[in-house]
Amino acid sequence: TVQLWIRDKTCFIATADNQRSAPLAHT
């Protein structure tokens, strides 16, 4: 499972355990 998050207008995707995440520049 992965989850889409937003913080301060920046989207990022993270693993369900929140151990790894990646910012999304265009989404």
PDB file of all heavy atoms in Angstrom:
ATOM      1  N   THR A   1       0.838  -1.201   0.000  1.00  0.00           N
ATOM      2  CA  THR A   1       0.000   0.000   0.000  1.00  0.00           C
ATOM      3  C   THR A   1       0.872   1.250   0.000  1.00  0.00           C
ATOM      4  O   THR A   1       1.882   1.316   0.698  1.00  0.00           O
ATOM      5  CB  THR A   1      -0.921   0.007   1.242  1.00  0.00           C
ATOM      6  OG1 THR A   1      -1.695  -1.188   1.239  1.00  0.00           O
ATOM      7  CG2 THR A   1      -1.842   1.198   1.233  1.00  0.00           C
ATOM      8  N   VAL A   2       0.450   2.218  -0.795  1.00  0.00           N
ATOM      9  CA  VAL A   2       1.086   3.534  -0.807  1.00  0.00           C
ATOM     10  C   VAL A   2      -0.005   4.575  -0.565  1.00  0.00           C
ATOM     11  O   VAL A   2      -1.191   4.303  -0.759  1.00  0.00           O
ATOM     12  CB  VAL A   2       1.826   3.822  -2.135  1.00  0.00           C
ATOM     13  CG1 VAL A   2       3.026   2.916  -2.291  1.00  0.00           C
ATOM     14  CG2 VAL A   2       0.891   3.694  -3.317  1.00  0.00           C
ATOM     15  N   GLN A   3       0.413   5.758  -0.118  1.00  0.00           N
ATOM     16  CA  GLN A   3      -0.565   6.811   0.163  1.00  0.00           C
ATOM     17  C   GLN A   3      -0.051   8.141  -0.362  1.00  0.00           C
ATOM     18  O   GLN A   3       1.138   8.441  -0.288  1.00  0.00           O
ATOM     19  CB  GLN A   3      -0.845   6.913   1.664  1.00  0.00           C
ATOM     20  CG  GLN A   3      -1.974   7.873   1.979  1.00  0.00           C
ATOM     21  CD  GLN A   3      -2.556   7.685   3.370  1.00  0.00           C
ATOM     22  OE1 GLN A   3      -2.030   6.939   4.176  1.00  0.00           O
ATOM     23  NE2 GLN A   3      -3.650   8.367   3.636  1.00  0.00           N
ATOM     24  N   LEU A   4      -0.988   8.920  -0.894  1.00  0.00           N
ATOM     25  CA  LEU A   4      -0.692  10.260  -1.398  1.00  0.00           C
ATOM     26  C   LEU A   4      -0.912  11.256  -0.261  1.00  0.00           C
ATOM     27  O   LEU A   4      -1.933  11.201   0.432  1.00  0.00           O
ATOM     28  CB  LEU A   4      -1.602  10.582  -2.589  1.00  0.00           C
ATOM     29  CG  LEU A   4      -1.326  11.869  -3.349  1.00  0.00           C
ATOM     30  CD1 LEU A   4       0.045  11.829  -4.012  1.00  0.00           C
ATOM     31  CD2 LEU A   4      -2.405  12.105  -4.392  1.00  0.00           C
ATOM     32  N   TRP A   5       0.040  12.160  -0.082  1.00  0.00           N
ATOM     33  CA  TRP A   5      -0.010  13.163   0.981  1.00  0.00           C
ATOM     34  C   TRP A   5       0.238  14.545   0.408  1.00  0.00           C
ATOM     35  O   TRP A   5       0.832  14.682  -0.652  1.00  0.00           O
ATOM     36  CB  TRP A   5       1.071  12.876   2.024  1.00  0.00           C
ATOM     37  CG  TRP A   5       0.917  11.594   2.761  1.00  0.00           C
ATOM     38  CD1 TRP A   5       1.435  10.383   2.412  1.00  0.00           C
ATOM     39  CD2 TRP A   5       0.207  11.376   3.975  1.00  0.00           C
ATOM     40  NE1 TRP A   5       1.086   9.430   3.342  1.00  0.00           N
ATOM     41  CE2 TRP A   5       0.341  10.014   4.314  1.00  0.00           C
ATOM     42  CE3 TRP A   5      -0.536  12.210   4.816  1.00  0.00           C
ATOM     43  CZ2 TRP A   5      -0.231   9.463   5.448  1.00  0.00           C
ATOM     44  CZ3 TRP A   5      -1.101  11.661   5.952  1.00  0.00           C
ATOM     45  CH2 TRP A   5      -0.950  10.307   6.261  1.00  0.00           C
ATOM     46  N   ILE A   6      -0.175  15.553   1.171  1.00  0.00           N
ATOM     47  CA  ILE A   6       0.142  16.943   0.837  1.00  0.00           C
ATOM     48  C   ILE A   6       0.597  17.647   2.113  1.00  0.00           C
ATOM     49  O   ILE A   6       0.036  17.432   3.197  1.00  0.00           O
ATOM     50  CB  ILE A   6      -1.061  17.682   0.188  1.00  0.00           C
ATOM     51  CG1 ILE A   6      -0.642  19.072  -0.296  1.00  0.00           C
ATOM     52  CG2 ILE A   6      -2.255  17.735   1.117  1.00  0.00           C
ATOM     53  CD1 ILE A   6      -1.664  19.756  -1.173  1.00  0.00           C
ATOM     54  N   ARG A   7       1.656  18.443   1.967  1.00  0.00           N
ATOM     55  CA  ARG A   7       2.137  19.277   3.079  1.00  0.00           C
ATOM     56  C   ARG A   7       2.626  20.585   2.488  1.00  0.00           C
ATOM     57  O   ARG A   7       3.479  20.577   1.606  1.00  0.00           O
ATOM     58  CB  ARG A   7       3.285  18.611   3.826  1.00  0.00           C
ATOM     59  CG  ARG A   7       3.803  19.516   4.955  1.00  0.00           C
ATOM     60  CD  ARG A   7       5.057  19.052   5.615  1.00  0.00           C
ATOM     61  NE  ARG A   7       4.928  17.687   6.066  1.00  0.00           N
ATOM     62  CZ  ARG A   7       5.959  16.884   6.277  1.00  0.00           C
ATOM     63  NH1 ARG A   7       7.181  17.302   6.059  1.00  0.00           N
ATOM     64  NH2 ARG A   7       5.782  15.658   6.696  1.00  0.00           N
ATOM     65  N   ASP A   8       2.071  21.664   2.945  1.00  0.00           N
ATOM     66  CA  ASP A   8       2.467  22.998   2.470  1.00  0.00           C
ATOM     67  C   ASP A   8       2.458  23.071   0.937  1.00  0.00           C
ATOM     68  O   ASP A   8       3.428  23.492   0.311  1.00  0.00           O
ATOM     69  CB  ASP A   8       3.850  23.370   3.008  1.00  0.00           C
ATOM     70  CG  ASP A   8       3.876  23.431   4.527  1.00  0.00           C
ATOM     71  OD1 ASP A   8       2.842  23.776   5.127  1.00  0.00           O
ATOM     72  OD2 ASP A   8       4.936  23.127   5.120  1.00  0.00           O
ATOM     73  N   LYS A   9       1.382  22.635   0.327  1.00  0.00           N
ATOM     74  CA  LYS A   9       1.149  22.685  -1.122  1.00  0.00           C
ATOM     75  C   LYS A   9       2.071  21.766  -1.930  1.00  0.00           C
ATOM     76  O   LYS A   9       2.137  21.880  -3.153  1.00  0.00           O
ATOM     77  CB  LYS A   9       1.249  24.120  -1.641  1.00  0.00           C
ATOM     78  CG  LYS A   9       0.209  25.049  -1.038  1.00  0.00           C
ATOM     79  CD  LYS A   9       0.314  26.426  -1.628  1.00  0.00           C
ATOM     80  CE  LYS A   9      -0.701  27.345  -0.966  1.00  0.00           C
ATOM     81  NZ  LYS A   9      -0.633  28.701  -1.472  1.00  0.00           N
ATOM     82  N   THR A  10       2.800  20.872  -1.270  1.00  0.00           N
ATOM     83  CA  THR A  10       3.663  19.924  -1.969  1.00  0.00           C
ATOM     84  C   THR A  10       3.090  18.525  -1.824  1.00  0.00           C
ATOM     85  O   THR A  10       2.849  18.062  -0.711  1.00  0.00           O
ATOM     86  CB  THR A  10       5.094  19.947  -1.381  1.00  0.00           C
ATOM     87  OG1 THR A  10       5.611  21.266  -1.519  1.00  0.00           O
ATOM     88  CG2 THR A  10       5.996  18.959  -2.093  1.00  0.00           C
ATOM     89  N   CYS A  11       2.883  17.863  -2.966  1.00  0.00           N
ATOM     90  CA  CYS A  11       2.389  16.480  -2.971  1.00  0.00           C
ATOM     91  C   CYS A  11       3.568  15.528  -2.850  1.00  0.00           C
ATOM     92  O   CYS A  11       4.629  15.789  -3.407  1.00  0.00           O
ATOM     93  CB  CYS A  11       1.683  16.162  -4.276  1.00  0.00           C
ATOM     94  SG  CYS A  11       0.072  16.878  -4.411  1.00  0.00           S
ATOM     95  N   PHE A  12       3.342  14.432  -2.151  1.00  0.00           N
ATOM     96  CA  PHE A  12       4.339  13.372  -2.131  1.00  0.00           C
ATOM     97  C   PHE A  12       3.647  12.041  -1.895  1.00  0.00           C
ATOM     98  O   PHE A  12       2.541  11.979  -1.383  1.00  0.00           O
ATOM     99  CB  PHE A  12       5.444  13.642  -1.102  1.00  0.00           C
ATOM    100  CG  PHE A  12       4.988  13.706   0.327  1.00  0.00           C
ATOM    101  CD1 PHE A  12       5.085  12.601   1.156  1.00  0.00           C
ATOM    102  CD2 PHE A  12       4.484  14.885   0.861  1.00  0.00           C
ATOM    103  CE1 PHE A  12       4.677  12.661   2.478  1.00  0.00           C
ATOM    104  CE2 PHE A  12       4.081  14.955   2.183  1.00  0.00           C
ATOM    105  CZ  PHE A  12       4.179  13.842   2.993  1.00  0.00           C
ATOM    106  N   ILE A  13       4.312  10.994  -2.320  1.00  0.00           N
ATOM    107  CA  ILE A  13       3.798   9.637  -2.182  1.00  0.00           C
ATOM    108  C   ILE A  13       4.671   8.943  -1.142  1.00  0.00           C
ATOM    109  O   ILE A  13       5.872   9.188  -1.077  1.00  0.00           O
ATOM    110  CB  ILE A  13       3.805   8.905  -3.551  1.00  0.00           C
ATOM    111  CG1 ILE A  13       3.031   7.613  -3.498  1.00  0.00           C
ATOM    112  CG2 ILE A  13       5.182   8.666  -4.063  1.00  0.00           C
ATOM    113  CD1 ILE A  13       1.575   7.774  -3.711  1.00  0.00           C
ATOM    114  N   ALA A  14       4.040   8.111  -0.295  1.00  0.00           N
ATOM    115  CA  ALA A  14       4.794   7.427   0.761  1.00  0.00           C
ATOM    116  C   ALA A  14       4.329   5.987   0.891  1.00  0.00           C
ATOM    117  O   ALA A  14       3.177   5.668   0.572  1.00  0.00           O
ATOM    118  CB  ALA A  14       4.610   8.162   2.098  1.00  0.00           C
ATOM    119  N   THR A  15       5.222   5.151   1.362  1.00  0.00           N
ATOM    120  CA  THR A  15       4.844   3.776   1.655  1.00  0.00           C
ATOM    121  C   THR A  15       3.901   3.793   2.851  1.00  0.00           C
ATOM    122  O   THR A  15       3.861   4.767   3.608  1.00  0.00           O
ATOM    123  CB  THR A  15       6.081   2.911   1.977  1.00  0.00           C
ATOM    124  OG1 THR A  15       6.804   3.513   3.059  1.00  0.00           O
ATOM    125  CG2 THR A  15       6.995   2.783   0.755  1.00  0.00           C
ATOM    126  N   ALA A  16       3.142   2.713   3.030  1.00  0.00           N
ATOM    127  CA  ALA A  16       2.148   2.667   4.114  1.00  0.00           C
ATOM    128  C   ALA A  16       2.792   2.827   5.481  1.00  0.00           C
ATOM    129  O   ALA A  16       2.193   3.406   6.391  1.00  0.00           O
ATOM    130  CB  ALA A  16       1.354   1.372   4.047  1.00  0.00           C
ATOM    131  N   ASP A  17       4.009   2.348   5.635  1.00  0.00           N
ATOM    132  CA  ASP A  17       4.685   2.465   6.931  1.00  0.00           C
ATOM    133  C   ASP A  17       5.411   3.800   7.085  1.00  0.00           C
ATOM    134  O   ASP A  17       6.064   4.051   8.084  1.00  0.00           O
ATOM    135  CB  ASP A  17       5.657   1.304   7.130  1.00  0.00           C
ATOM    136  CG  ASP A  17       6.718   1.228   6.044  1.00  0.00           C
ATOM    137  OD1 ASP A  17       6.816   2.149   5.199  1.00  0.00           O
ATOM    138  OD2 ASP A  17       7.465   0.230   6.029  1.00  0.00           O
ATOM    139  N   ASN A  18       5.297   4.664   6.077  1.00  0.00           N
ATOM    140  CA  ASN A  18       5.932   5.990   6.067  1.00  0.00           C
ATOM    141  C   ASN A  18       7.444   5.940   6.241  1.00  0.00           C
ATOM    142  O   ASN A  18       8.053   6.897   6.703  1.00  0.00           O
ATOM    143  CB  ASN A  18       5.309   6.915   7.116  1.00  0.00           C
ATOM    144  CG  ASN A  18       3.922   7.345   6.735  1.00  0.00           C
ATOM    145  OD1 ASN A  18       3.649   7.590   5.561  1.00  0.00           O
ATOM    146  ND2 ASN A  18       3.031   7.408   7.693  1.00  0.00           N
ATOM    147  N   GLN A  19       8.043   4.822   5.868  1.00  0.00           N
ATOM    148  CA  GLN A  19       9.492   4.705   5.954  1.00  0.00           C
ATOM    149  C   GLN A  19      10.184   5.388   4.769  1.00  0.00           C
ATOM    150  O   GLN A  19      11.305   5.857   4.892  1.00  0.00           O
ATOM    151  CB  GLN A  19       9.902   3.226   6.004  1.00  0.00           C
ATOM    152  CG  GLN A  19       9.465   2.522   7.264  1.00  0.00           C
ATOM    153  CD  GLN A  19      10.127   3.088   8.498  1.00  0.00           C
ATOM    154  OE1 GLN A  19      11.334   3.316   8.523  1.00  0.00           O
ATOM    155  NE2 GLN A  19       9.356   3.330   9.541  1.00  0.00           N
ATOM    156  N   ARG A  20       9.507   5.415   3.629  1.00  0.00           N
ATOM    157  CA  ARG A  20      10.084   6.034   2.436  1.00  0.00           C
ATOM    158  C   ARG A  20       9.027   6.910   1.779  1.00  0.00           C
ATOM    159  O   ARG A  20       7.854   6.566   1.762  1.00  0.00           O
ATOM    160  CB  ARG A  20      10.561   4.950   1.458  1.00  0.00           C
ATOM    161  CG  ARG A  20      11.701   4.105   1.997  1.00  0.00           C
ATOM    162  CD  ARG A  20      12.162   3.057   0.986  1.00  0.00           C
ATOM    163  NE  ARG A  20      11.115   2.212   0.449  1.00  0.00           N
ATOM    164  CZ  ARG A  20      10.674   1.090   1.013  1.00  0.00           C
ATOM    165  NH1 ARG A  20      11.168   0.695   2.148  1.00  0.00           N
ATOM    166  NH2 ARG A  20       9.731   0.368   0.430  1.00  0.00           N
ATOM    167  N   SER A  21       9.482   8.023   1.216  1.00  0.00           N
ATOM    168  CA  SER A  21       8.555   8.898   0.496  1.00  0.00           C
ATOM    169  C   SER A  21       9.296   9.569  -0.650  1.00  0.00           C
ATOM    170  O   SER A  21      10.523   9.596  -0.676  1.00  0.00           O
ATOM    171  CB  SER A  21       7.948   9.945   1.430  1.00  0.00           C
ATOM    172  OG  SER A  21       8.948  10.815   1.901  1.00  0.00           O
ATOM    173  N   ALA A  22       8.513  10.086  -1.590  1.00  0.00           N
ATOM    174  CA  ALA A  22       9.093  10.776  -2.744  1.00  0.00           C
ATOM    175  C   ALA A  22       8.222  11.969  -3.094  1.00  0.00           C
ATOM    176  O   ALA A  22       7.003  11.835  -3.199  1.00  0.00           O
ATOM    177  CB  ALA A  22       9.185   9.814  -3.931  1.00  0.00           C
ATOM    178  N   PRO A  23       8.828  13.143  -3.286  1.00  0.00           N
ATOM    179  CA  PRO A  23       8.048  14.320  -3.691  1.00  0.00           C
ATOM    180  C   PRO A  23       7.608  14.184  -5.138  1.00  0.00           C
ATOM    181  O   PRO A  23       8.244  13.518  -5.943  1.00  0.00           O
ATOM    182  CB  PRO A  23       9.042  15.464  -3.524  1.00  0.00           C
ATOM    183  CG  PRO A  23      10.389  14.838  -3.664  1.00  0.00           C
ATOM    184  CD  PRO A  23      10.240  13.427  -3.136  1.00  0.00           C
ATOM    185  N   LEU A  24       6.507  14.823  -5.463  1.00  0.00           N
ATOM    186  CA  LEU A  24       5.947  14.799  -6.809  1.00  0.00           C
ATOM    187  C   LEU A  24       5.971  16.215  -7.361  1.00  0.00           C
ATOM    188  O   LEU A  24       5.273  17.098  -6.856  1.00  0.00           O
ATOM    189  CB  LEU A  24       4.513  14.235  -6.790  1.00  0.00           C
ATOM    190  CG  LEU A  24       4.389  12.834  -6.227  1.00  0.00           C
ATOM    191  CD1 LEU A  24       2.922  12.495  -5.970  1.00  0.00           C
ATOM    192  CD2 LEU A  24       5.034  11.817  -7.157  1.00  0.00           C
ATOM    193  N   ALA A  25       6.772  16.435  -8.386  1.00  0.00           N
ATOM    194  CA  ALA A  25       6.962  17.789  -8.913  1.00  0.00           C
ATOM    195  C   ALA A  25       5.810  18.240  -9.820  1.00  0.00           C
ATOM    196  O   ALA A  25       5.486  19.420  -9.861  1.00  0.00           O
ATOM    197  CB  ALA A  25       8.274  17.842  -9.681  1.00  0.00           C
ATOM    198  N   HIS A  26       5.187  17.303 -10.538  1.00  0.00           N
ATOM    199  CA  HIS A  26       4.196  17.698 -11.550  1.00  0.00           C
ATOM    200  C   HIS A  26       2.756  17.329 -11.186  1.00  0.00           C
ATOM    201  O   HIS A  26       1.834  17.831 -11.816  1.00  0.00           O
ATOM    202  CB  HIS A  26       4.557  17.075 -12.896  1.00  0.00           C
ATOM    203  CG  HIS A  26       5.952  17.428 -13.326  1.00  0.00           C
ATOM    204  ND1 HIS A  26       6.320  18.693 -13.712  1.00  0.00           N
ATOM    205  CD2 HIS A  26       7.073  16.678 -13.393  1.00  0.00           C
ATOM    206  CE1 HIS A  26       7.602  18.706 -13.997  1.00  0.00           C
ATOM    207  NE2 HIS A  26       8.087  17.504 -13.822  1.00  0.00           N
ATOM    208  N   THR A  27       2.574  16.473 -10.216  1.00  0.00           N
ATOM    209  CA  THR A  27       1.225  16.027  -9.850  1.00  0.00           C
ATOM    210  C   THR A  27       0.573  17.060  -8.935  1.00  0.00           C
ATOM    211  O   THR A  27       1.143  17.446  -7.915  1.00  0.00           O
ATOM    212  CB  THR A  27       1.281  14.664  -9.142  1.00  0.00           C
ATOM    213  OG1 THR A  27       1.909  13.734 -10.023  1.00  0.00           O
ATOM    214  CG2 THR A  27      -0.093  14.170  -8.761  1.00  0.00           C
TER     215      THR A  27
END
